[in-house]
Amino acid sequence: LQFLSYLGACDRLLKQGYEEGQVEEAMEMFQYSEKKAAEFLHLLAQFNDMGFQQNEIKEVLLLCGNQRERALEELVMK
């Protein structure tokens, strides 16, 4: 049953336009919490569009617990 809810969550995130590899990675990073994975993917895309490096974004978002303002401050200071 958990596997089916995992697949459903992944499917919903993929339909939002996120890449499959990123969706799977985000789901694992946040213990399969669709809400947290979705927040992470949204912020990752936002910061990526601002020109920040993806590996730095991931690191900062994990450290800041997906808190947008704190993460942005950290990225700007790097």
Protein backbone atom coordinates (compact mmCIF):
# COMPACT_ATOMS: atom_id res chain seq x y z
CA LEU A 1 0.00 0.00 0.00
CA GLN A 2 2.82 2.42 0.80
CA PHE A 3 4.37 1.70 -2.57
CA LEU A 4 1.12 2.64 -4.33
CA SER A 5 0.88 5.93 -2.45
CA TYR A 6 4.54 6.57 -3.34
CA LEU A 7 3.78 5.95 -7.03
CA GLY A 8 0.74 8.21 -6.83
CA ALA A 9 2.78 10.99 -5.24
CA CYS A 10 5.52 10.63 -7.86
CA ASP A 11 2.93 10.68 -10.62
CA ARG A 12 1.35 13.90 -9.29
CA LEU A 13 4.78 15.58 -9.05
CA LEU A 14 5.73 14.44 -12.57
CA LYS A 15 2.49 15.93 -13.89
CA GLN A 16 3.60 19.26 -12.43
CA GLY A 17 6.54 19.14 -14.84
CA TYR A 18 9.38 18.00 -12.59
CA GLU A 19 11.98 15.55 -13.91
CA GLU A 20 11.64 11.91 -12.85
CA GLY A 21 15.12 11.70 -11.30
CA GLN A 22 14.53 14.84 -9.26
CA VAL A 23 11.13 13.61 -8.08
CA GLU A 24 12.55 10.27 -6.91
CA GLU A 25 15.49 11.97 -5.19
CA ALA A 26 13.24 14.50 -3.44
CA MET A 27 10.84 11.79 -2.27
CA GLU A 28 13.74 9.82 -0.76
CA MET A 29 15.30 12.90 0.86
CA PHE A 30 12.05 13.72 2.65
CA GLN A 31 11.07 10.20 3.72
CA TYR A 32 8.41 10.04 1.01
CA SER A 33 6.55 13.14 2.17
CA GLU A 34 4.86 14.42 -0.98
CA LYS A 35 4.30 17.85 0.59
CA LYS A 36 7.95 18.36 1.52
CA ALA A 37 9.19 16.94 -1.78
CA ALA A 38 6.86 19.30 -3.68
CA GLU A 39 8.13 22.31 -1.66
CA PHE A 40 11.71 21.27 -2.34
CA LEU A 41 11.15 20.79 -6.09
CA HIS A 42 9.33 24.12 -6.37
CA LEU A 43 12.14 26.00 -4.62
CA LEU A 44 14.80 24.09 -6.55
CA ALA A 45 13.19 25.21 -9.82
CA GLN A 46 12.81 28.80 -8.58
CA PHE A 47 16.42 29.13 -7.45
CA ASN A 48 17.63 27.35 -10.58
CA ASP A 49 15.81 29.97 -12.67
CA MET A 50 17.64 32.66 -10.67
CA GLY A 51 20.93 31.17 -11.87
CA PHE A 52 22.12 29.33 -8.76
CA GLN A 53 23.90 25.97 -9.12
CA GLN A 54 21.69 22.94 -8.56
CA ASN A 55 24.05 21.15 -6.14
CA GLU A 56 24.35 24.31 -4.00
CA ILE A 57 20.57 24.77 -4.02
CA LYS A 58 19.98 21.19 -2.83
CA GLU A 59 22.51 21.54 -0.03
CA VAL A 60 21.09 24.86 1.19
CA LEU A 61 17.47 23.71 1.01
CA LEU A 62 18.29 20.65 3.11
CA LEU A 63 20.15 22.76 5.67
CA CYS A 64 17.34 25.32 5.84
CA GLY A 65 14.48 22.82 5.83
CA ASN A 66 12.95 24.28 2.65
CA GLN A 67 12.65 27.74 4.22
CA ARG A 68 12.72 29.98 1.16
CA GLU A 69 14.04 33.21 2.73
CA ARG A 70 16.80 31.51 4.74
CA ALA A 71 17.83 29.44 1.73
CA LEU A 72 17.97 32.50 -0.50
CA GLU A 73 20.15 34.34 2.02
CA GLU A 74 22.53 31.37 2.17
CA LEU A 75 22.74 31.12 -1.61
CA VAL A 76 23.40 34.84 -2.01
CA MET A 77 26.19 34.70 0.59
CA LYS A 78 27.97 31.79 -1.16
